[in-house]
Protein backbone atom coordinates (compact mmCIF):
# COMPACT_ATOMS: atom_id res chain seq x y z
CA MET A 1 70.13 111.61 100.24
CA GLN A 2 71.44 110.06 103.38
CA ASN A 3 70.50 106.34 101.83
CA ILE A 4 71.84 107.14 98.76
CA ARG A 5 74.92 107.84 100.14
CA THR A 6 74.85 104.59 102.17
CA ARG A 7 73.85 102.52 99.24
CA ILE A 8 76.76 104.25 96.60
CA SER A 9 79.48 103.71 99.56
CA THR A 10 78.69 99.90 100.29
CA ASN A 11 78.42 99.15 96.61
CA LEU A 12 81.41 100.83 96.57
CA ASP A 13 83.25 98.67 99.51
CA GLU A 14 81.54 95.49 97.71
CA SER A 15 83.92 96.29 94.57
CA ILE A 16 86.59 96.39 96.40
CA VAL A 17 86.28 93.45 98.37
CA ALA A 18 85.39 91.76 94.60
CA GLY A 19 88.73 92.72 93.25
CA ARG A 20 90.77 92.07 95.89
CA ARG A 21 89.00 88.46 95.83
CA GLU A 22 90.38 88.28 92.23
CA LEU A 23 93.75 89.34 92.86
CA ARG A 24 94.05 86.88 95.88
CA GLN A 25 93.26 83.99 92.98
CA GLN A 26 95.79 84.84 90.37
CA PRO A 27 98.79 82.76 90.37
CA ARG A 28 102.41 84.71 91.86
CA GLN A 29 100.21 87.26 93.42
CA ARG A 30 100.47 86.58 96.97
CA PHE A 31 98.85 88.93 99.91
CA VAL A 32 100.99 89.62 103.27
CA ALA A 33 100.42 90.64 106.81
CA ARG A 34 101.87 94.06 107.46
CA ASP A 35 105.45 92.89 109.05
CA GLU A 36 106.80 90.70 105.80
CA PHE A 37 105.29 93.88 103.44
CA CYS A 38 107.79 96.39 106.03
CA ASP A 39 110.97 93.73 105.85
CA LEU A 40 110.21 93.35 101.95
CA LEU A 41 110.46 97.15 101.79
CA LEU A 42 114.05 96.76 103.16
CA SER A 43 115.25 94.03 101.86
CA PHE A 44 118.00 93.42 98.94
CA LYS A 45 115.77 92.53 96.32
CA LYS A 46 114.53 94.74 93.01
CA LEU A 47 111.35 95.53 94.30
CA THR A 48 109.44 97.88 92.25
CA ARG A 49 105.86 99.80 92.83
CA SER A 50 102.76 97.95 91.89
CA ASP A 51 99.86 99.17 93.44
CA GLU A 52 96.08 98.81 92.91
CA PRO A 53 94.86 101.66 93.90
CA ASP A 54 91.03 101.61 92.79
CA MET A 55 91.38 98.47 95.39
CA SER A 56 93.46 100.13 98.05
CA VAL A 57 95.98 97.86 97.56
CA ARG A 58 99.95 98.22 98.02
CA GLY A 59 102.24 96.36 95.91
CA LEU A 60 105.55 95.32 95.55
CA LEU A 61 106.65 93.22 92.26
CA ASP A 62 109.65 91.22 92.51
CA VAL A 63 111.87 92.08 89.01
CA GLN A 64 113.37 89.18 89.08
CA SER A 65 110.99 86.39 89.75
CA GLY A 66 107.84 87.61 88.80
CA GLN A 67 106.16 87.40 92.11
CA ARG A 68 104.10 90.20 93.41
CA TYR A 69 103.46 90.77 97.36
CA LEU A 70 100.53 93.28 98.17
CA ILE A 71 98.48 94.14 101.42
CA GLU A 72 95.46 96.07 101.99
CA GLN A 73 95.97 99.83 102.42
CA GLU A 74 94.13 99.43 105.78
CA LYS A 75 96.30 96.69 107.18
CA LEU A 76 99.49 98.77 106.28
CA PHE A 77 98.36 102.37 107.81
CA ALA A 78 96.75 100.83 110.67
CA VAL A 79 98.66 101.85 114.03
CA SER A 80 98.98 99.02 116.23
């Protein structure tokens, strides 16, 4: 039973990594560091949430430019 759980979680992790890799290759999608993401949250830019929950990615979409700022959920919530 343990081996089945390990394989399922490994497959899930691989699909998340593949999805994130695909996001990185798309135009107007930019992964940013935690500090920059937090600065964007506090900025005066018109941003809307644009998350990718299946990939555990949080996102902000700049309504005016169409630029999308992304961060891996584990990096955003990491304890420093």
